[in-house]
Protein backbone atom coordinates (compact mmCIF):
# COMPACT_ATOMS: atom_id res chain seq x y z
CA MET A 1 -0.20 0.04 0.03
CA PRO A 2 1.25 2.92 -0.80
CA LYS A 3 2.35 5.88 1.70
CA GLN A 4 0.28 8.58 2.04
CA LYS A 5 2.13 12.00 1.45
CA ARG A 6 0.82 14.45 5.16
CA SER A 7 -0.17 17.78 4.83
CA THR A 8 1.45 20.87 6.90
CA GLY A 9 -1.44 23.20 6.00
CA LYS A 10 1.47 24.86 3.68
CA SER A 11 0.34 25.28 -0.06
CA GLY A 12 4.53 24.99 -0.47
CA LYS A 13 4.60 28.22 -2.15
CA ALA A 14 7.95 30.16 -1.46
CA GLY A 15 7.63 33.96 -0.49
CA PHE A 16 6.26 36.33 0.92
CA VAL A 17 3.28 39.16 0.78
CA ILE A 18 4.32 42.98 -0.19
CA GLY A 19 1.63 45.28 1.41
CA ARG A 20 0.26 47.79 -0.76
CA ALA A 21 2.96 50.83 0.55
CA GLY A 22 6.11 48.67 -0.40
CA PHE A 23 4.38 47.10 -3.90
CA ALA A 24 3.53 50.97 -5.12
CA LYS A 25 8.15 51.69 -4.59
CA ILE A 26 8.86 49.05 -6.64
CA SER A 27 5.82 50.34 -9.48
CA SER A 28 7.12 53.40 -8.98
CA VAL A 29 10.99 52.45 -9.43
CA GLU A 30 9.64 50.02 -12.31
CA GLY A 31 7.72 53.03 -14.21
CA ILE A 32 3.97 51.54 -13.82
CA ARG A 33 0.75 53.35 -12.58
CA LEU A 34 -2.60 51.75 -11.06
CA LYS A 35 -4.79 54.07 -12.97
CA PRO A 36 -7.81 56.32 -10.90
CA ALA A 37 -10.53 53.23 -11.11
CA MET A 38 -7.70 51.11 -9.77
CA GLU A 39 -6.63 53.16 -7.01
CA LYS A 40 -10.71 53.50 -6.17
CA ARG A 41 -11.02 50.16 -6.57
CA ALA A 42 -8.37 49.52 -3.99
CA ASP A 43 -9.51 51.90 -1.99
CA GLU A 44 -12.68 50.75 -1.58
CA ALA A 45 -11.82 47.06 -1.06
CA GLY A 46 -9.39 48.86 2.07
CA LYS A 47 -12.85 50.68 3.50
CA LYS A 48 -14.71 47.64 3.17
CA GLY A 49 -12.36 45.36 4.72
CA LEU A 50 -12.65 42.32 2.31
CA SER A 51 -10.41 39.48 2.27
CA PRO A 52 -7.22 39.26 -0.39
CA GLU A 53 -9.80 35.65 -1.64
CA GLU A 54 -12.14 38.69 -2.00
CA TYR A 55 -10.47 41.13 -3.96
CA ARG A 56 -8.80 39.17 -6.57
CA LYS A 57 -12.99 38.12 -7.43
CA VAL A 58 -13.72 41.91 -7.24
CA ILE A 59 -10.29 42.71 -9.61
CA ILE A 60 -11.95 39.09 -11.87
CA ARG A 61 -14.88 40.16 -12.03
CA THR A 62 -14.22 43.62 -13.62
CA TYR A 63 -12.74 41.93 -16.32
CA ARG A 64 -14.16 39.12 -17.70
CA LYS A 65 -16.00 38.93 -20.04
CA ALA A 66 -19.72 38.24 -20.68
């Protein structure tokens, strides 16, 4: 009988999460700027206290083709 893998609860992805301010600094060095609609959407998500998953769903709905 084959052994089953044990889940450690981690996704196996290495890395870290940077905040909005850090991302803005990196983006400015790269010459990337958010459009006003993107900034507005991010501000609204922050005010509503959306989780990262909920915020991703909002972005996907915005750009999904009908």
